[in-house]
Amino acid sequence: QVQLVESGGGLVQPGGSLNLSCAPSGSIFNIDTMGWYRQAPNEERDLVANITRAYRTNYADSVKGRFTISRDNAKNTVYLQMNNLQPQDTAVYYCKQRTGWPTYSTYWGQGTQVTVSS
């Protein structure tokens, strides 16, 4: 069974940067939307950003101007460049990939911890 593998999380000081990446462990065909979500303790999992196959992007208001989502369609990989990180960005970050017609399947990563603290 194909899984999404995330990397790039860790501990960073306020104002610092991290770059997350997410790629499938095997082949997934016809990926449409890729995205990043995050979940802080005792909170719901929320959308951070997503990007369509045509490179249209959408961001949560809280990260606009600080985070940038991008993708490499040849590698089925999605990235999240996070700049000017703040303590409120601390969460487990999950990637999600969804295929288009006809399968409409959804894949999730296992999550990577991002901690912003001095």
C-alpha atoms as a PDB file:
ATOM      1  CA  GLN A   1       0.000   0.000   0.000  1.00  0.00           C
ATOM      2  CA  VAL A   2       1.391   3.387  -1.002  1.00  0.00           C
ATOM      3  CA  GLN A   3       2.128   5.791   1.824  1.00  0.00           C
ATOM      4  CA  LEU A   4       3.128   9.443   1.878  1.00  0.00           C
ATOM      5  CA  VAL A   5       6.488  10.100   3.517  1.00  0.00           C
ATOM      6  CA  GLU A   6       7.113  13.510   5.053  1.00  0.00           C
ATOM      7  CA  SER A   7      10.395  15.040   6.084  1.00  0.00           C
ATOM      8  CA  GLY A   8      11.848  18.345   7.216  1.00  0.00           C
ATOM      9  CA  GLY A   9      10.187  18.930  10.561  1.00  0.00           C
ATOM     10  CA  GLY A  10      12.063  19.801  13.722  1.00  0.00           C
ATOM     11  CA  LEU A  11      12.771  22.395  16.372  1.00  0.00           C
ATOM     12  CA  VAL A  12      13.393  25.984  15.324  1.00  0.00           C
ATOM     13  CA  GLN A  13      13.594  29.323  17.087  1.00  0.00           C
ATOM     14  CA  PRO A  14      11.007  32.047  16.457  1.00  0.00           C
ATOM     15  CA  GLY A  15      11.771  33.805  13.199  1.00  0.00           C
ATOM     16  CA  GLY A  16      13.434  30.722  11.774  1.00  0.00           C
ATOM     17  CA  SER A  17      12.622  28.650   8.697  1.00  0.00           C
ATOM     18  CA  LEU A  18      11.884  25.046   7.802  1.00  0.00           C
ATOM     19  CA  ASN A  19      11.141  23.316   4.511  1.00  0.00           C
ATOM     20  CA  LEU A  20       8.833  20.322   4.576  1.00  0.00           C
ATOM     21  CA  SER A  21       8.602  17.799   1.779  1.00  0.00           C
ATOM     22  CA  CYS A  22       6.227  14.909   1.091  1.00  0.00           C
ATOM     23  CA  ALA A  23       6.525  12.154  -1.490  1.00  0.00           C
ATOM     24  CA  PRO A  24       4.760   8.825  -1.992  1.00  0.00           C
ATOM     25  CA  SER A  25       6.540   5.570  -1.225  1.00  0.00           C
ATOM     26  CA  GLY A  26       5.292   4.117  -4.511  1.00  0.00           C
ATOM     27  CA  SER A  27       3.440   5.101  -7.639  1.00  0.00           C
ATOM     28  CA  ILE A  28       0.300   7.195  -7.510  1.00  0.00           C
ATOM     29  CA  PHE A  29      -1.298   8.163 -10.816  1.00  0.00           C
ATOM     30  CA  ASN A  30      -3.250  11.264 -11.662  1.00  0.00           C
ATOM     31  CA  ILE A  31      -2.646  13.274  -8.488  1.00  0.00           C
ATOM     32  CA  ASP A  32      -4.806  16.374  -8.519  1.00  0.00           C
ATOM     33  CA  THR A  33      -4.595  18.461  -5.353  1.00  0.00           C
ATOM     34  CA  MET A  34      -1.733  18.334  -2.866  1.00  0.00           C
ATOM     35  CA  GLY A  35      -1.845  20.045   0.466  1.00  0.00           C
ATOM     36  CA  TRP A  36      -0.538  20.536   3.967  1.00  0.00           C
ATOM     37  CA  TYR A  37      -2.586  20.456   7.153  1.00  0.00           C
ATOM     38  CA  ARG A  38      -1.582  20.909  10.767  1.00  0.00           C
ATOM     39  CA  GLN A  39      -2.918  19.844  14.118  1.00  0.00           C
ATOM     40  CA  ALA A  40      -1.923  21.353  17.447  1.00  0.00           C
ATOM     41  CA  PRO A  41      -2.628  19.534  20.733  1.00  0.00           C
ATOM     42  CA  ASN A  42      -6.343  19.468  21.589  1.00  0.00           C
ATOM     43  CA  GLU A  43      -7.237  21.178  18.336  1.00  0.00           C
ATOM     44  CA  GLU A  44      -8.706  20.059  15.022  1.00  0.00           C
ATOM     45  CA  ARG A  45      -6.654  19.393  11.927  1.00  0.00           C
ATOM     46  CA  ASP A  46      -6.751  22.527   9.776  1.00  0.00           C
ATOM     47  CA  LEU A  47      -5.728  23.353   6.238  1.00  0.00           C
ATOM     48  CA  VAL A  48      -2.447  25.258   5.930  1.00  0.00           C
ATOM     49  CA  ALA A  49      -2.146  25.414   2.147  1.00  0.00           C
ATOM     50  CA  ASN A  50      -2.984  23.451  -0.967  1.00  0.00           C
ATOM     51  CA  ILE A  51      -2.002  23.490  -4.617  1.00  0.00           C
ATOM     52  CA  THR A  52      -3.735  22.083  -7.674  1.00  0.00           C
ATOM     53  CA  ARG A  53      -2.120  20.316 -10.601  1.00  0.00           C
ATOM     54  CA  ALA A  54      -2.407  23.614 -12.469  1.00  0.00           C
ATOM     55  CA  TYR A  55      -0.421  25.277  -9.646  1.00  0.00           C
ATOM     56  CA  ARG A  56      -3.308  27.273  -8.201  1.00  0.00           C
ATOM     57  CA  THR A  57      -2.619  27.860  -4.524  1.00  0.00           C
ATOM     58  CA  ASN A  58      -4.704  28.519  -1.456  1.00  0.00           C
ATOM     59  CA  TYR A  59      -3.429  29.529   2.007  1.00  0.00           C
ATOM     60  CA  ALA A  60      -4.828  29.864   5.481  1.00  0.00           C
ATOM     61  CA  ASP A  61      -4.910  33.526   6.498  1.00  0.00           C
ATOM     62  CA  SER A  62      -2.547  32.850   9.385  1.00  0.00           C
ATOM     63  CA  VAL A  63       0.312  31.785   7.080  1.00  0.00           C
ATOM     64  CA  LYS A  64      -0.135  34.089   4.100  1.00  0.00           C
ATOM     65  CA  GLY A  65       3.084  35.907   3.297  1.00  0.00           C
ATOM     66  CA  ARG A  66       5.168  33.515   5.409  1.00  0.00           C
ATOM     67  CA  PHE A  67       4.589  30.038   3.916  1.00  0.00           C
ATOM     68  CA  THR A  68       4.928  28.941   0.298  1.00  0.00           C
ATOM     69  CA  ILE A  69       3.582  25.700  -1.119  1.00  0.00           C
ATOM     70  CA  SER A  70       5.026  24.197  -4.284  1.00  0.00           C
ATOM     71  CA  ARG A  71       5.002  20.879  -6.112  1.00  0.00           C
ATOM     72  CA  ASP A  72       7.004  18.779  -8.526  1.00  0.00           C
ATOM     73  CA  ASN A  73       4.565  16.845 -10.675  1.00  0.00           C
ATOM     74  CA  ALA A  74       7.283  14.604 -12.108  1.00  0.00           C
ATOM     75  CA  LYS A  75       8.167  13.413  -8.598  1.00  0.00           C
ATOM     76  CA  ASN A  76       4.655  13.618  -7.094  1.00  0.00           C
ATOM     77  CA  THR A  77       6.258  15.689  -4.345  1.00  0.00           C
ATOM     78  CA  VAL A  78       4.823  18.640  -2.462  1.00  0.00           C
ATOM     79  CA  TYR A  79       6.858  21.142  -0.465  1.00  0.00           C
ATOM     80  CA  LEU A  80       6.079  23.721   2.194  1.00  0.00           C
ATOM     81  CA  GLN A  81       8.623  26.466   2.752  1.00  0.00           C
ATOM     82  CA  MET A  82       7.920  28.046   6.125  1.00  0.00           C
ATOM     83  CA  ASN A  83       9.565  31.359   6.983  1.00  0.00           C
ATOM     84  CA  ASN A  84       9.309  33.627  10.023  1.00  0.00           C
ATOM     85  CA  LEU A  85       7.979  30.766  12.117  1.00  0.00           C
ATOM     86  CA  GLN A  86       6.198  31.665  15.334  1.00  0.00           C
ATOM     87  CA  PRO A  87       5.294  29.637  18.438  1.00  0.00           C
ATOM     88  CA  GLN A  88       1.678  29.429  17.271  1.00  0.00           C
ATOM     89  CA  ASP A  89       2.885  27.472  14.238  1.00  0.00           C
ATOM     90  CA  THR A  90       3.848  24.598  16.527  1.00  0.00           C
ATOM     91  CA  ALA A  91       1.896  21.520  15.444  1.00  0.00           C
ATOM     92  CA  VAL A  92       2.096  18.186  13.706  1.00  0.00           C
ATOM     93  CA  TYR A  93       2.080  18.846   9.967  1.00  0.00           C
ATOM     94  CA  TYR A  94       0.406  16.341   7.635  1.00  0.00           C
ATOM     95  CA  CYS A  95       0.516  16.175   3.865  1.00  0.00           C
ATOM     96  CA  LYS A  96      -2.403  15.061   1.768  1.00  0.00           C
ATOM     97  CA  GLN A  97      -2.605  14.046  -1.861  1.00  0.00           C
ATOM     98  CA  ARG A  98      -5.803  13.410  -3.755  1.00  0.00           C
ATOM     99  CA  THR A  99      -6.225  11.818  -7.139  1.00  0.00           C
ATOM    100  CA  GLY A 100      -8.683  12.956  -9.772  1.00  0.00           C
ATOM    101  CA  TRP A 101     -11.112  11.095 -11.997  1.00  0.00           C
ATOM    102  CA  PRO A 102     -11.865   8.214 -11.919  1.00  0.00           C
ATOM    103  CA  THR A 103     -10.393   7.029  -8.625  1.00  0.00           C
ATOM    104  CA  TYR A 104     -10.750  10.089  -6.358  1.00  0.00           C
ATOM    105  CA  SER A 105      -8.500   8.513  -3.740  1.00  0.00           C
ATOM    106  CA  THR A 106      -7.026  10.382  -0.773  1.00  0.00           C
ATOM    107  CA  TYR A 107      -3.635   9.709   0.795  1.00  0.00           C
ATOM    108  CA  TRP A 108      -2.290  11.108   4.072  1.00  0.00           C
ATOM    109  CA  GLY A 109       1.205  11.232   5.502  1.00  0.00           C
ATOM    110  CA  GLN A 110       2.071  10.091   8.994  1.00  0.00           C
ATOM    111  CA  GLY A 111       2.808  13.620  10.188  1.00  0.00           C
ATOM    112  CA  THR A 112       5.960  15.506  11.080  1.00  0.00           C
ATOM    113  CA  GLN A 113       6.410  17.577  14.220  1.00  0.00           C
ATOM    114  CA  VAL A 114       7.242  21.261  13.926  1.00  0.00           C
ATOM    115  CA  THR A 115       8.134  23.005  17.187  1.00  0.00           C
ATOM    116  CA  VAL A 116       8.855  26.714  17.360  1.00  0.00           C
ATOM    117  CA  SER A 117      10.426  27.685  20.655  1.00  0.00           C
ATOM    118  CA  SER A 118      13.269  29.727  22.064  1.00  0.00           C
END
